Amino acid sequence: MMEKSFDERKANFDENYPRILEEIAQAAVKAGRSPEEITLLAATKTVPVEVINHAIGKGLSCVGENRVQELLEKYDALDKEHCDVQFIGQLQTNKVKYLLGKVSCIQSVGSVKLAKEISRLCQREGVEMKVLVEVNIGREENKGGVLPEALLECVDEIRTFPGLQVAGLMAIPPICEDTASICRYFSAVRQYYVDIAVKRMDNVSMNCLSMGMSSDFPEAIACGATMVRVGSSLFGKRAYPQR
């Protein structure tokens, strides 16, 4: 498959961005919420930095990368002054060191082991890192995340690690055939989010509930998401280089 030209990707964004913002606003209002409660994070996996910077120039204020190597390749050229950069992909402990000082939040903390390594390196570098605890709400073996029954205990442990601030939860539900099924997963994550928030634990802010992607972000907003991660609906379908 041929990689799309930069101009084509930019044109896709220019066409899609206003529509996505309107769909976010409509979903929020329908749920009795303010559109300002919802942050649009652009998932920029395989999107060239030239296209990302174009999007930032058009008003995009938050991007998320899935792969450490891809983030590093784009980082120097990225318009970071006008955009918040987060990490949203699965993360190996040996790659944590490359993210410190480059992202404001790691959304995919799905184990105490990973949180400990982030904490260790944050202490070494004298920095702090916001993290979202990832919930494996569908109990899928091929996905990362904390199982629901272990979530509270996990958050309670991670919040004590120096250099970390638990800022919320993230989840990627299973692919579902119908809206009712996906909403059950989203609603379950929202309930965990609320249950943890009301405990008012030290170093746990629960400011961000990151769930919903291109195919289901209106449903996620209806169920309480404060951040949606949208990629292909913004930039067009991903085009991977041939090997």
Protein backbone atom coordinates (compact mmCIF):
# COMPACT_ATOMS: atom_id res chain seq x y z
CA MET A 1 0.00 0.00 0.00
CA MET A 2 1.35 3.40 -0.96
CA GLU A 3 1.68 5.92 1.84
CA LYS A 4 -0.70 8.82 1.38
CA SER A 5 0.86 12.15 0.48
CA PHE A 6 1.23 14.77 3.17
CA ASP A 7 -1.23 16.98 1.30
CA GLU A 8 -3.83 14.23 1.26
CA ARG A 9 -3.44 13.54 4.96
CA LYS A 10 -3.67 17.28 5.71
CA ALA A 11 -6.79 17.55 3.58
CA ASN A 12 -8.33 14.60 5.41
CA PHE A 13 -7.70 16.33 8.72
CA ASP A 14 -9.07 19.67 7.53
CA GLU A 15 -12.27 17.94 6.44
CA ASN A 16 -12.65 15.66 9.45
CA TYR A 17 -11.57 17.85 12.37
CA PRO A 18 -14.63 20.17 12.44
CA ARG A 19 -16.94 17.19 12.04
CA ILE A 20 -15.32 15.28 14.92
CA LEU A 21 -15.50 18.35 17.17
CA GLU A 22 -19.18 18.72 16.32
CA GLU A 23 -19.86 15.04 17.02
CA ILE A 24 -18.09 15.36 20.38
CA ALA A 25 -20.17 18.43 21.21
CA GLN A 26 -23.41 16.75 20.18
CA ALA A 27 -22.64 13.64 22.22
CA ALA A 28 -21.80 15.74 25.27
CA VAL A 29 -24.95 17.86 25.05
CA LYS A 30 -27.09 14.76 24.50
CA ALA A 31 -25.61 13.34 27.72
CA GLY A 32 -26.34 16.56 29.61
CA ARG A 33 -22.67 17.53 29.69
CA SER A 34 -20.66 20.48 28.48
CA PRO A 35 -18.50 19.89 25.37
CA GLU A 36 -15.68 21.63 27.27
CA GLU A 37 -15.56 18.59 29.59
CA ILE A 38 -14.24 16.42 26.76
CA THR A 39 -10.62 16.47 25.55
CA LEU A 40 -9.93 15.28 22.02
CA LEU A 41 -6.63 13.41 21.89
CA ALA A 42 -5.44 12.72 18.35
CA ALA A 43 -3.94 9.24 18.08
CA THR A 44 -1.06 9.90 15.70
CA LYS A 45 0.31 6.41 15.08
CA THR A 46 1.78 6.34 11.52
CA VAL A 47 0.87 10.02 10.97
CA PRO A 48 3.89 12.01 9.67
CA VAL A 49 5.09 14.84 11.90
CA GLU A 50 4.45 17.32 9.08
CA VAL A 51 0.77 16.37 9.16
CA ILE A 52 0.63 16.47 12.96
CA ASN A 53 2.10 19.98 13.01
CA HIS A 54 -0.43 21.04 10.39
CA ALA A 55 -3.19 19.75 12.67
CA ILE A 56 -1.73 21.59 15.66
CA GLY A 57 -1.72 24.76 13.59
CA LYS A 58 -5.44 24.22 13.00
CA GLY A 59 -6.15 24.05 16.72
CA LEU A 60 -5.42 20.48 17.79
CA SER A 61 -4.10 20.64 21.35
CA CYS A 62 -3.41 17.06 22.44
CA VAL A 63 -1.72 14.14 20.68
CA GLY A 64 -0.94 10.59 21.74
CA GLU A 65 1.68 8.22 20.38
CA ASN A 66 1.47 4.41 20.60
CA ARG A 67 5.08 3.48 19.97
CA VAL A 68 8.18 4.74 21.74
CA GLN A 69 10.40 4.55 18.67
CA GLU A 70 7.92 6.46 16.53
CA LEU A 71 7.58 9.14 19.20
CA LEU A 72 11.36 9.56 19.34
CA GLU A 73 11.58 9.84 15.57
CA LYS A 74 9.00 12.63 15.51
CA TYR A 75 9.83 14.37 18.76
CA ASP A 76 12.39 17.00 17.77
CA ALA A 77 10.28 18.25 14.85
CA LEU A 78 6.97 18.18 16.75
CA ASP A 79 5.35 21.53 17.63
CA LYS A 80 5.37 20.76 21.34
CA GLU A 81 4.95 24.39 22.36
CA HIS A 82 1.36 24.37 21.16
CA CYS A 83 0.35 20.78 21.93
CA ASP A 84 0.30 18.38 24.86
CA VAL A 85 2.04 15.07 24.08
CA GLN A 86 1.00 11.85 25.81
CA PHE A 87 1.84 8.17 25.46
CA ILE A 88 -1.12 5.84 24.89
CA GLY A 89 0.38 2.52 23.76
CA GLN A 90 1.55 -0.59 25.53
CA LEU A 91 4.86 0.12 27.24
CA GLN A 92 7.72 -2.20 28.13
CA THR A 93 9.68 -1.37 31.26
CA ASN A 94 12.95 -1.04 29.30
CA LYS A 95 11.42 1.74 27.18
CA VAL A 96 10.22 3.95 30.04
CA LYS A 97 13.49 5.90 30.16
CA TYR A 98 12.88 7.29 26.68
CA LEU A 99 9.57 8.92 27.67
CA LEU A 100 10.62 10.92 30.72
CA GLY A 101 10.70 14.60 29.95
CA LYS A 102 8.95 14.03 26.62
CA VAL A 103 5.35 13.22 27.53
CA SER A 104 3.04 14.71 30.14
CA CYS A 105 1.19 11.47 30.83
CA ILE A 106 1.55 7.73 30.33
CA GLN A 107 -1.97 6.40 29.84
CA SER A 108 -1.21 2.71 29.66
CA VAL A 109 0.01 1.77 33.15
CA GLY A 110 -1.43 -1.69 33.45
CA SER A 111 0.72 -3.21 36.18
CA VAL A 112 2.43 -2.41 39.46
CA LYS A 113 5.71 -3.54 37.88
CA LEU A 114 5.52 -0.87 35.18
CA ALA A 115 4.49 1.79 37.69
CA LYS A 116 7.48 0.90 39.89
CA GLU A 117 9.88 1.35 36.99
CA ILE A 118 8.36 4.71 36.05
CA SER A 119 8.68 5.78 39.69
CA ARG A 120 12.28 4.60 39.92
CA LEU A 121 13.32 6.57 36.85
CA CYS A 122 11.31 9.64 37.86
CA GLN A 123 13.16 9.70 41.19
CA ARG A 124 16.48 9.29 39.42
CA GLU A 125 15.75 12.14 37.01
CA GLY A 126 14.02 14.36 39.56
CA VAL A 127 10.78 14.58 37.56
CA GLU A 128 7.13 13.68 38.02
CA MET A 129 4.82 11.79 35.68
CA LYS A 130 1.07 11.68 35.49
CA VAL A 131 -0.25 8.18 34.83
CA LEU A 132 -3.58 6.64 34.00
CA VAL A 133 -4.19 3.13 35.25
CA GLU A 134 -5.36 0.94 32.38
CA VAL A 135 -8.31 -1.33 33.12
CA ASN A 136 -8.65 -4.59 31.19
CA ILE A 137 -12.40 -4.28 31.31
CA GLY A 138 -12.99 -7.12 28.86
CA ARG A 139 -10.54 -9.48 30.61
CA GLU A 140 -8.82 -10.06 27.25
CA GLU A 141 -5.59 -12.02 27.36
CA ASN A 142 -4.13 -10.15 24.40
CA LYS A 143 -4.56 -6.74 26.04
CA GLY A 144 -2.73 -5.09 28.88
CA GLY A 145 -4.35 -3.60 31.93
CA VAL A 146 -5.40 -4.39 35.46
CA LEU A 147 -8.31 -6.76 35.93
CA PRO A 148 -11.33 -5.03 37.47
CA GLU A 149 -11.23 -6.97 40.74
CA ALA A 150 -7.60 -5.91 41.30
CA LEU A 151 -8.05 -2.27 40.28
CA LEU A 152 -8.63 -0.63 43.65
CA GLU A 153 -5.73 -2.44 45.27
CA CYS A 154 -3.49 -1.57 42.32
CA VAL A 155 -4.38 2.14 42.46
CA ASP A 156 -3.90 2.17 46.21
CA GLU A 157 -0.37 0.79 45.78
CA ILE A 158 0.68 2.87 42.78
CA ARG A 159 -0.38 6.12 44.43
CA THR A 160 2.35 5.65 47.04
CA PHE A 161 5.17 5.50 44.47
CA PRO A 162 7.32 8.66 44.47
CA GLY A 163 7.31 10.66 41.27
CA LEU A 164 3.91 9.41 40.10
CA GLN A 165 0.52 11.08 40.16
CA VAL A 166 -2.49 8.87 39.44
CA ALA A 167 -4.62 11.12 37.24
CA GLY A 168 -7.37 8.72 36.16
CA LEU A 169 -8.25 5.55 34.28
CA MET A 170 -7.93 4.35 30.68
CA ALA A 171 -9.67 1.44 28.97
CA ILE A 172 -10.06 -0.22 25.57
CA PRO A 173 -13.15 -2.44 25.64
CA PRO A 174 -13.52 -5.47 23.39
CA ILE A 175 -14.92 -5.07 19.89
CA CYS A 176 -18.69 -5.28 20.23
CA GLU A 177 -21.46 -6.05 17.77
CA ASP A 178 -23.90 -3.49 19.16
CA THR A 179 -24.07 -0.19 21.01
CA ALA A 180 -25.65 -1.66 24.13
CA SER A 181 -22.72 -4.02 24.66
CA ILE A 182 -20.01 -1.38 24.27
CA CYS A 183 -21.93 0.93 26.59
CA ARG A 184 -22.00 -1.75 29.28
CA TYR A 185 -18.20 -1.85 29.22
CA PHE A 186 -17.86 1.93 29.19
CA SER A 187 -20.36 2.29 32.03
CA ALA A 188 -18.51 -0.28 34.11
CA VAL A 189 -15.23 1.64 33.73
CA ARG A 190 -17.03 4.87 34.61
CA GLN A 191 -18.35 3.27 37.80
CA TYR A 192 -14.83 2.21 38.85
CA TYR A 193 -13.68 5.76 38.12
CA VAL A 194 -16.40 7.22 40.36
CA ASP A 195 -15.87 4.65 43.11
CA ILE A 196 -12.16 5.47 43.28
CA ALA A 197 -12.76 9.22 43.15
CA VAL A 198 -15.12 9.22 46.13
CA LYS A 199 -12.48 7.55 48.27
CA ARG A 200 -10.41 10.75 48.03
CA MET A 201 -7.10 8.93 48.27
CA ASP A 202 -3.93 10.98 48.52
CA ASN A 203 -2.13 11.42 45.18
CA VAL A 204 -5.16 10.20 43.20
CA SER A 205 -6.93 12.96 41.28
CA MET A 206 -9.24 11.02 38.92
CA ASN A 207 -9.34 13.97 36.54
CA CYS A 208 -9.21 11.90 33.35
CA LEU A 209 -11.33 9.01 32.11
CA SER A 210 -9.77 8.10 28.76
CA MET A 211 -11.98 5.80 26.71
CA GLY A 212 -13.53 5.77 23.28
CA MET A 213 -11.86 5.74 19.87
CA SER A 214 -12.86 6.49 16.27
CA SER A 215 -15.57 3.83 16.13
CA ASP A 216 -17.23 4.44 19.49
CA PHE A 217 -16.32 7.80 21.02
CA PRO A 218 -19.93 9.13 21.09
CA GLU A 219 -20.93 6.14 23.21
CA ALA A 220 -17.92 6.67 25.47
CA ILE A 221 -18.90 10.30 26.01
CA ALA A 222 -22.47 9.25 26.80
CA CYS A 223 -21.04 6.94 29.46
CA GLY A 224 -18.78 9.56 31.07
CA ALA A 225 -15.47 9.73 29.18
CA THR A 226 -13.52 12.96 29.70
CA MET A 227 -11.02 12.14 26.93
CA VAL A 228 -11.49 10.36 23.62
CA ARG A 229 -8.62 9.02 21.49
CA VAL A 230 -9.39 9.49 17.79
CA GLY A 231 -7.01 8.58 14.98
CA SER A 232 -8.31 7.23 11.67
CA SER A 233 -11.47 9.36 11.80
CA LEU A 234 -9.24 12.44 11.91
CA PHE A 235 -6.41 11.58 9.55
CA GLY A 236 -7.94 8.89 7.36
CA LYS A 237 -7.21 5.18 7.44
CA ARG A 238 -3.69 4.31 8.42
CA ALA A 239 -1.37 3.38 5.58
CA TYR A 240 1.50 1.11 6.56
CA PRO A 241 4.62 0.97 4.40
CA GLN A 242 5.19 -2.28 2.54
CA ARG A 243 7.89 -4.53 3.95
